[in-house]
């Protein structure tokens, strides 16, 4: 059992898979879902639009896809050609 401090809130937690305490991991997952849903609804959105509409910084929004590269590659909605 390895104890670590959460890099977001500083709280001590038992490290399992993610380097976040359970509370911050839950918030991170909720933020990811909001951004993912926005991209599903507006697939042509720019990083600036995503950040503005989700009240996140550009860095936070781009970090979401760095932490979840499988989404960036596989789960993006398909675009139909007109």
PDB file of N, CA and C in Angstrom:
ATOM      1  N   UNK A   1       0.846  -1.168   0.000  1.00  0.00           N
ATOM      2  CA  UNK A   1       0.000   0.000   0.000  1.00  0.00           C
ATOM      3  C   UNK A   1       0.899   1.240   0.000  1.00  0.00           C
ATOM      4  N   UNK A   2       0.693   2.095  -1.015  1.00  0.00           N
ATOM      5  CA  UNK A   2       1.516   3.290  -1.166  1.00  0.00           C
ATOM      6  C   UNK A   2       0.678   4.537  -0.911  1.00  0.00           C
ATOM      7  N   UNK A   3       1.159   5.383  -0.017  1.00  0.00           N
ATOM      8  CA  UNK A   3       0.474   6.640   0.275  1.00  0.00           C
ATOM      9  C   UNK A   3       1.107   7.761  -0.536  1.00  0.00           C
ATOM     10  N   UNK A   4       0.257   8.633  -1.076  1.00  0.00           N
ATOM     11  CA  UNK A   4       0.724   9.785  -1.841  1.00  0.00           C
ATOM     12  C   UNK A   4      -0.134  10.991  -1.497  1.00  0.00           C
ATOM     13  N   UNK A   5       0.400  12.151  -1.823  1.00  0.00           N
ATOM     14  CA  UNK A   5      -0.376  13.377  -1.713  1.00  0.00           C
ATOM     15  C   UNK A   5      -0.962  13.695  -3.075  1.00  0.00           C
ATOM     16  N   UNK A   6      -2.223  14.076  -3.093  1.00  0.00           N
ATOM     17  CA  UNK A   6      -2.896  14.442  -4.332  1.00  0.00           C
ATOM     18  C   UNK A   6      -2.247  15.711  -4.883  1.00  0.00           C
ATOM     19  N   UNK A   7      -1.862  15.720  -6.149  1.00  0.00           N
ATOM     20  CA  UNK A   7      -1.231  16.912  -6.730  1.00  0.00           C
ATOM     21  C   UNK A   7      -2.207  18.082  -6.897  1.00  0.00           C
ATOM     22  N   UNK A   8      -3.506  17.832  -6.802  1.00  0.00           N
ATOM     23  CA  UNK A   8      -4.496  18.901  -6.966  1.00  0.00           C
ATOM     24  C   UNK A   8      -4.819  19.551  -5.621  1.00  0.00           C
ATOM     25  N   UNK A   9      -5.212  18.738  -4.640  1.00  0.00           N
ATOM     26  CA  UNK A   9      -5.669  19.296  -3.359  1.00  0.00           C
ATOM     27  C   UNK A   9      -4.685  19.090  -2.214  1.00  0.00           C
ATOM     28  N   UNK A  10      -3.692  18.220  -2.408  1.00  0.00           N
ATOM     29  CA  UNK A  10      -2.697  17.974  -1.370  1.00  0.00           C
ATOM     30  C   UNK A  10      -3.095  16.930  -0.347  1.00  0.00           C
ATOM     31  N   UNK A  11      -4.290  16.397  -0.463  1.00  0.00           N
ATOM     32  CA  UNK A  11      -4.796  15.408   0.486  1.00  0.00           C
ATOM     33  C   UNK A  11      -4.023  14.088   0.361  1.00  0.00           C
ATOM     34  N   UNK A  12      -3.790  13.424   1.482  1.00  0.00           N
ATOM     35  CA  UNK A  12      -3.120  12.126   1.498  1.00  0.00           C
ATOM     36  C   UNK A  12      -4.125  11.042   1.093  1.00  0.00           C
ATOM     37  N   UNK A  13      -3.707  10.134   0.203  1.00  0.00           N
ATOM     38  CA  UNK A  13      -4.591   9.057  -0.242  1.00  0.00           C
ATOM     39  C   UNK A  13      -3.779   7.814  -0.563  1.00  0.00           C
ATOM     40  N   UNK A  14      -4.477   6.689  -0.644  1.00  0.00           N
ATOM     41  CA  UNK A  14      -3.837   5.427  -1.005  1.00  0.00           C
ATOM     42  C   UNK A  14      -3.800   5.357  -2.526  1.00  0.00           C
ATOM     43  N   UNK A  15      -2.587   5.317  -3.080  1.00  0.00           N
ATOM     44  CA  UNK A  15      -2.405   5.270  -4.530  1.00  0.00           C
ATOM     45  C   UNK A  15      -2.838   3.908  -5.071  1.00  0.00           C
ATOM     46  N   UNK A  16      -3.653   3.938  -6.127  1.00  0.00           N
ATOM     47  CA  UNK A  16      -4.040   2.702  -6.808  1.00  0.00           C
ATOM     48  C   UNK A  16      -3.599   2.799  -8.256  1.00  0.00           C
ATOM     49  N   UNK A  17      -4.412   3.418  -9.087  1.00  0.00           N
ATOM     50  CA  UNK A  17      -4.096   3.520 -10.508  1.00  0.00           C
ATOM     51  C   UNK A  17      -3.841   4.966 -10.916  1.00  0.00           C
ATOM     52  N   UNK A  18      -4.665   5.864 -10.434  1.00  0.00           N
ATOM     53  CA  UNK A  18      -4.546   7.279 -10.791  1.00  0.00           C
ATOM     54  C   UNK A  18      -3.835   8.046  -9.695  1.00  0.00           C
ATOM     55  N   UNK A  19      -3.112   9.072 -10.096  1.00  0.00           N
ATOM     56  CA  UNK A  19      -2.371   9.880  -9.143  1.00  0.00           C
ATOM     57  C   UNK A  19      -3.238  11.029  -8.609  1.00  0.00           C
ATOM     58  N   UNK A  20      -4.509  10.733  -8.309  1.00  0.00           N
ATOM     59  CA  UNK A  20      -5.426  11.708  -7.740  1.00  0.00           C
ATOM     60  C   UNK A  20      -6.182  11.043  -6.598  1.00  0.00           C
ATOM     61  N   UNK A  21      -6.539  11.861  -5.594  1.00  0.00           N
ATOM     62  CA  UNK A  21      -7.366  11.323  -4.520  1.00  0.00           C
ATOM     63  C   UNK A  21      -8.751  11.017  -5.100  1.00  0.00           C
ATOM     64  N   UNK A  22      -9.555  10.212  -4.434  1.00  0.00           N
ATOM     65  CA  UNK A  22     -10.871   9.846  -4.975  1.00  0.00           C
ATOM     66  C   UNK A  22     -11.759  11.053  -5.295  1.00  0.00           C
ATOM     67  N   UNK A  23     -11.729  12.083  -4.455  1.00  0.00           N
ATOM     68  CA  UNK A  23     -12.570  13.261  -4.701  1.00  0.00           C
ATOM     69  C   UNK A  23     -12.137  14.000  -5.962  1.00  0.00           C
ATOM     70  N   UNK A  24     -10.839  14.225  -6.114  1.00  0.00           N
ATOM     71  CA  UNK A  24     -10.329  14.932  -7.301  1.00  0.00           C
ATOM     72  C   UNK A  24     -10.485  14.073  -8.553  1.00  0.00           C
ATOM     73  N   UNK A  25     -10.350  12.754  -8.416  1.00  0.00           N
ATOM     74  CA  UNK A  25     -10.557  11.860  -9.552  1.00  0.00           C
ATOM     75  C   UNK A  25     -11.999  11.940 -10.027  1.00  0.00           C
ATOM     76  N   UNK A  26     -12.945  12.026  -9.096  1.00  0.00           N
ATOM     77  CA  UNK A  26     -14.356  12.139  -9.460  1.00  0.00           C
ATOM     78  C   UNK A  26     -14.613  13.450 -10.193  1.00  0.00           C
ATOM     79  N   UNK A  27     -14.058  14.550  -9.677  1.00  0.00           N
ATOM     80  CA  UNK A  27     -14.219  15.857 -10.333  1.00  0.00           C
ATOM     81  C   UNK A  27     -13.587  15.832 -11.730  1.00  0.00           C
ATOM     82  N   UNK A  28     -12.423  15.196 -11.839  1.00  0.00           N
ATOM     83  CA  UNK A  28     -11.739  15.101 -13.125  1.00  0.00           C
ATOM     84  C   UNK A  28     -12.592  14.332 -14.129  1.00  0.00           C
ATOM     85  N   UNK A  29     -13.208  13.262 -13.673  1.00  0.00           N
ATOM     86  CA  UNK A  29     -14.063  12.454 -14.554  1.00  0.00           C
ATOM     87  C   UNK A  29     -15.302  13.239 -14.972  1.00  0.00           C
ATOM     88  N   UNK A  30     -15.875  13.998 -14.047  1.00  0.00           N
ATOM     89  CA  UNK A  30     -17.040  14.830 -14.386  1.00  0.00           C
ATOM     90  C   UNK A  30     -16.667  15.889 -15.419  1.00  0.00           C
ATOM     91  N   UNK A  31     -15.500  16.513 -15.252  1.00  0.00           N
ATOM     92  CA  UNK A  31     -15.034  17.508 -16.223  1.00  0.00           C
ATOM     93  C   UNK A  31     -14.829  16.873 -17.591  1.00  0.00           C
ATOM     94  N   UNK A  32     -14.241  15.677 -17.593  1.00  0.00           N
ATOM     95  CA  UNK A  32     -14.024  14.973 -18.852  1.00  0.00           C
ATOM     96  C   UNK A  32     -15.355  14.714 -19.561  1.00  0.00           C
ATOM     97  N   UNK A  33     -16.349  14.255 -18.813  1.00  0.00           N
ATOM     98  CA  UNK A  33     -17.650  13.949 -19.410  1.00  0.00           C
ATOM     99  C   UNK A  33     -18.306  15.196 -19.986  1.00  0.00           C
ATOM    100  N   UNK A  34     -18.175  16.337 -19.302  1.00  0.00           N
ATOM    101  CA  UNK A  34     -18.746  17.590 -19.808  1.00  0.00           C
ATOM    102  C   UNK A  34     -18.089  17.987 -21.124  1.00  0.00           C
ATOM    103  N   UNK A  35     -16.775  17.912 -21.166  1.00  0.00           N
ATOM    104  CA  UNK A  35     -16.046  18.268 -22.385  1.00  0.00           C
ATOM    105  C   UNK A  35     -16.352  17.269 -23.495  1.00  0.00           C
ATOM    106  N   UNK A  36     -16.394  15.991 -23.165  1.00  0.00           N
ATOM    107  CA  UNK A  36     -16.701  14.960 -24.154  1.00  0.00           C
ATOM    108  C   UNK A  36     -18.083  15.191 -24.753  1.00  0.00           C
ATOM    109  N   UNK A  37     -19.069  15.487 -23.925  1.00  0.00           N
ATOM    110  CA  UNK A  37     -20.424  15.731 -24.412  1.00  0.00           C
ATOM    111  C   UNK A  37     -20.470  16.986 -25.280  1.00  0.00           C
ATOM    112  N   UNK A  38     -19.751  18.024 -24.888  1.00  0.00           N
ATOM    113  CA  UNK A  38     -19.719  19.242 -25.692  1.00  0.00           C
ATOM    114  C   UNK A  38     -19.128  18.940 -27.070  1.00  0.00           C
ATOM    115  N   UNK A  39     -18.056  18.162 -27.105  1.00  0.00           N
ATOM    116  CA  UNK A  39     -17.447  17.815 -28.400  1.00  0.00           C
ATOM    117  C   UNK A  39     -18.356  16.936 -29.239  1.00  0.00           C
ATOM    118  N   UNK A  40     -19.142  16.116 -28.603  1.00  0.00           N
ATOM    119  CA  UNK A  40     -20.102  15.292 -29.327  1.00  0.00           C
ATOM    120  C   UNK A  40     -21.175  16.183 -29.959  1.00  0.00           C
ATOM    121  N   UNK A  41     -21.618  17.187 -29.193  1.00  0.00           N
ATOM    122  CA  UNK A  41     -22.648  18.101 -29.679  1.00  0.00           C
ATOM    123  C   UNK A  41     -22.113  19.095 -30.706  1.00  0.00           C
ATOM    124  N   UNK A  42     -20.855  19.527 -30.543  1.00  0.00           N
ATOM    125  CA  UNK A  42     -20.242  20.527 -31.425  1.00  0.00           C
ATOM    126  C   UNK A  42     -18.872  20.001 -31.873  1.00  0.00           C
ATOM    127  N   UNK A  43     -18.839  19.051 -32.799  1.00  0.00           N
ATOM    128  CA  UNK A  43     -17.582  18.396 -33.159  1.00  0.00           C
ATOM    129  C   UNK A  43     -16.532  19.310 -33.800  1.00  0.00           C
ATOM    130  N   UNK A  44     -16.943  20.434 -34.365  1.00  0.00           N
ATOM    131  CA  UNK A  44     -15.984  21.343 -34.997  1.00  0.00           C
ATOM    132  C   UNK A  44     -15.471  22.412 -34.033  1.00  0.00           C
ATOM    133  N   UNK A  45     -15.779  22.312 -32.760  1.00  0.00           N
ATOM    134  CA  UNK A  45     -15.394  23.329 -31.776  1.00  0.00           C
ATOM    135  C   UNK A  45     -13.875  23.441 -31.676  1.00  0.00           C
ATOM    136  N   UNK A  46     -13.414  24.672 -31.524  1.00  0.00           N
ATOM    137  CA  UNK A  46     -11.987  24.914 -31.312  1.00  0.00           C
ATOM    138  C   UNK A  46     -11.673  24.753 -29.832  1.00  0.00           C
ATOM    139  N   UNK A  47     -10.396  24.678 -29.523  1.00  0.00           N
ATOM    140  CA  UNK A  47      -9.975  24.552 -28.131  1.00  0.00           C
ATOM    141  C   UNK A  47     -10.460  25.747 -27.315  1.00  0.00           C
ATOM    142  N   UNK A  48     -10.411  26.942 -27.891  1.00  0.00           N
ATOM    143  CA  UNK A  48     -10.879  28.143 -27.200  1.00  0.00           C
ATOM    144  C   UNK A  48     -12.371  28.049 -26.888  1.00  0.00           C
ATOM    145  N   UNK A  49     -13.164  27.578 -27.844  1.00  0.00           N
ATOM    146  CA  UNK A  49     -14.607  27.428 -27.624  1.00  0.00           C
ATOM    147  C   UNK A  49     -14.898  26.383 -26.550  1.00  0.00           C
ATOM    148  N   UNK A  50     -14.191  25.281 -26.598  1.00  0.00           N
ATOM    149  CA  UNK A  50     -14.371  24.218 -25.606  1.00  0.00           C
ATOM    150  C   UNK A  50     -14.077  24.763 -24.213  1.00  0.00           C
ATOM    151  N   UNK A  51     -12.971  25.469 -24.082  1.00  0.00           N
ATOM    152  CA  UNK A  51     -12.581  26.021 -22.781  1.00  0.00           C
ATOM    153  C   UNK A  51     -13.611  27.036 -22.283  1.00  0.00           C
ATOM    154  N   UNK A  52     -14.041  27.919 -23.162  1.00  0.00           N
ATOM    155  CA  UNK A  52     -14.996  28.954 -22.771  1.00  0.00           C
ATOM    156  C   UNK A  52     -16.339  28.361 -22.363  1.00  0.00           C
ATOM    157  N   UNK A  53     -16.864  27.457 -23.157  1.00  0.00           N
ATOM    158  CA  UNK A  53     -18.191  26.892 -22.882  1.00  0.00           C
ATOM    159  C   UNK A  53     -18.204  25.982 -21.658  1.00  0.00           C
ATOM    160  N   UNK A  54     -17.066  25.395 -21.331  1.00  0.00           N
ATOM    161  CA  UNK A  54     -16.986  24.488 -20.188  1.00  0.00           C
ATOM    162  C   UNK A  54     -16.338  25.126 -18.971  1.00  0.00           C
ATOM    163  N   UNK A  55     -16.041  26.421 -19.073  1.00  0.00           N
ATOM    164  CA  UNK A  55     -15.427  27.181 -17.970  1.00  0.00           C
ATOM    165  C   UNK A  55     -14.164  26.518 -17.451  1.00  0.00           C
ATOM    166  N   UNK A  56     -13.315  26.131 -18.385  1.00  0.00           N
ATOM    167  CA  UNK A  56     -12.026  25.520 -18.086  1.00  0.00           C
ATOM    168  C   UNK A  56     -10.958  26.285 -18.846  1.00  0.00           C
ATOM    169  N   UNK A  57      -9.723  26.159 -18.415  1.00  0.00           N
ATOM    170  CA  UNK A  57      -8.628  26.781 -19.153  1.00  0.00           C
ATOM    171  C   UNK A  57      -8.320  25.933 -20.382  1.00  0.00           C
ATOM    172  N   UNK A  58      -7.656  26.529 -21.344  1.00  0.00           N
ATOM    173  CA  UNK A  58      -7.235  25.774 -22.533  1.00  0.00           C
ATOM    174  C   UNK A  58      -6.327  24.627 -22.111  1.00  0.00           C
ATOM    175  N   UNK A  59      -5.470  24.895 -21.136  1.00  0.00           N
ATOM    176  CA  UNK A  59      -4.534  23.870 -20.663  1.00  0.00           C
ATOM    177  C   UNK A  59      -5.287  22.677 -20.076  1.00  0.00           C
ATOM    178  N   UNK A  60      -6.324  22.948 -19.276  1.00  0.00           N
ATOM    179  CA  UNK A  60      -7.127  21.851 -18.699  1.00  0.00           C
ATOM    180  C   UNK A  60      -7.798  21.038 -19.791  1.00  0.00           C
ATOM    181  N   UNK A  61      -8.367  21.722 -20.783  1.00  0.00           N
ATOM    182  CA  UNK A  61      -9.074  21.012 -21.857  1.00  0.00           C
ATOM    183  C   UNK A  61      -8.119  20.169 -22.694  1.00  0.00           C
ATOM    184  N   UNK A  62      -6.967  20.720 -23.029  1.00  0.00           N
ATOM    185  CA  UNK A  62      -6.025  19.926 -23.825  1.00  0.00           C
ATOM    186  C   UNK A  62      -5.462  18.780 -22.997  1.00  0.00           C
ATOM    187  N   UNK A  63      -5.319  18.980 -21.690  1.00  0.00           N
ATOM    188  CA  UNK A  63      -4.824  17.925 -20.812  1.00  0.00           C
ATOM    189  C   UNK A  63      -5.768  16.738 -20.724  1.00  0.00           C
ATOM    190  N   UNK A  64      -7.052  16.995 -20.898  1.00  0.00           N
ATOM    191  CA  UNK A  64      -8.031  15.911 -20.873  1.00  0.00           C
ATOM    192  C   UNK A  64      -7.694  14.875 -21.931  1.00  0.00           C
ATOM    193  N   UNK A  65      -7.315  15.318 -23.102  1.00  0.00           N
ATOM    194  CA  UNK A  65      -7.046  14.384 -24.184  1.00  0.00           C
ATOM    195  C   UNK A  65      -5.642  13.810 -24.125  1.00  0.00           C
ATOM    196  N   UNK A  66      -4.753  14.473 -23.430  1.00  0.00           N
ATOM    197  CA  UNK A  66      -3.433  13.890 -23.210  1.00  0.00           C
ATOM    198  C   UNK A  66      -3.533  12.724 -22.233  1.00  0.00           C
ATOM    199  N   UNK A  67      -4.431  12.863 -21.260  1.00  0.00           N
ATOM    200  CA  UNK A  67      -4.608  11.791 -20.271  1.00  0.00           C
ATOM    201  C   UNK A  67      -5.466  10.656 -20.807  1.00  0.00           C
ATOM    202  N   UNK A  68      -6.236  10.930 -21.840  1.00  0.00           N
ATOM    203  CA  UNK A  68      -7.136   9.916 -22.407  1.00  0.00           C
ATOM    204  C   UNK A  68      -6.956   9.842 -23.919  1.00  0.00           C
ATOM    205  N   UNK A  69      -5.788   9.421 -24.374  1.00  0.00           N
ATOM    206  CA  UNK A  69      -5.537   9.404 -25.822  1.00  0.00           C
ATOM    207  C   UNK A  69      -6.466   8.471 -26.588  1.00  0.00           C
ATOM    208  N   UNK A  70      -6.986   7.443 -25.944  1.00  0.00           N
ATOM    209  CA  UNK A  70      -7.893   6.526 -26.642  1.00  0.00           C
ATOM    210  C   UNK A  70      -9.144   7.271 -27.096  1.00  0.00           C
ATOM    211  N   UNK A  71      -9.625   8.216 -26.285  1.00  0.00           N
ATOM    212  CA  UNK A  71     -10.806   8.999 -26.692  1.00  0.00           C
ATOM    213  C   UNK A  71     -10.463   9.846 -27.900  1.00  0.00           C
ATOM    214  N   UNK A  72      -9.338  10.510 -27.863  1.00  0.00           N
ATOM    215  CA  UNK A  72      -8.967  11.402 -28.947  1.00  0.00           C
ATOM    216  C   UNK A  72      -8.861  10.645 -30.268  1.00  0.00           C
ATOM    217  N   UNK A  73      -8.486   9.373 -30.207  1.00  0.00           N
ATOM    218  CA  UNK A  73      -8.321   8.588 -31.429  1.00  0.00           C
ATOM    219  C   UNK A  73      -9.586   7.845 -31.845  1.00  0.00           C
ATOM    220  N   UNK A  74     -10.356   7.319 -30.893  1.00  0.00           N
ATOM    221  CA  UNK A  74     -11.420   6.380 -31.235  1.00  0.00           C
ATOM    222  C   UNK A  74     -12.832   6.921 -31.097  1.00  0.00           C
ATOM    223  N   UNK A  75     -13.102   7.761 -30.112  1.00  0.00           N
ATOM    224  CA  UNK A  75     -14.474   8.072 -29.779  1.00  0.00           C
ATOM    225  C   UNK A  75     -15.004   9.360 -30.388  1.00  0.00           C
ATOM    226  N   UNK A  76     -14.222  10.023 -31.218  1.00  0.00           N
ATOM    227  CA  UNK A  76     -14.726  11.250 -31.807  1.00  0.00           C
ATOM    228  C   UNK A  76     -15.828  10.911 -32.789  1.00  0.00           C
ATOM    229  N   UNK A  77     -16.877  11.741 -32.810  1.00  0.00           N
ATOM    230  CA  UNK A  77     -17.967  11.463 -33.730  1.00  0.00           C
ATOM    231  C   UNK A  77     -17.512  11.579 -35.170  1.00  0.00           C
ATOM    232  N   UNK A  78     -18.106  10.774 -36.013  1.00  0.00           N
ATOM    233  CA  UNK A  78     -17.768  10.830 -37.428  1.00  0.00           C
ATOM    234  C   UNK A  78     -18.417  12.028 -38.070  1.00  0.00           C
ATOM    235  N   UNK A  79     -17.706  12.629 -39.031  1.00  0.00           N
ATOM    236  CA  UNK A  79     -18.222  13.778 -39.757  1.00  0.00           C
ATOM    237  C   UNK A  79     -18.729  13.292 -41.109  1.00  0.00           C
ATOM    238  N   UNK A  80     -19.898  13.720 -41.484  1.00  0.00           N
ATOM    239  CA  UNK A  80     -20.399  13.342 -42.807  1.00  0.00           C
ATOM    240  C   UNK A  80     -20.077  14.442 -43.798  1.00  0.00           C
ATOM    241  N   UNK A  81     -19.696  14.059 -44.955  1.00  0.00           N
ATOM    242  CA  UNK A  81     -19.388  15.009 -46.014  1.00  0.00           C
ATOM    243  C   UNK A  81     -20.684  15.420 -46.692  1.00  0.00           C
ATOM    244  N   UNK A  82     -20.863  16.698 -46.962  1.00  0.00           N
ATOM    245  CA  UNK A  82     -22.067  17.179 -47.642  1.00  0.00           C
ATOM    246  C   UNK A  82     -21.808  17.338 -49.107  1.00  0.00           C
TER     247      UNK A  82
END
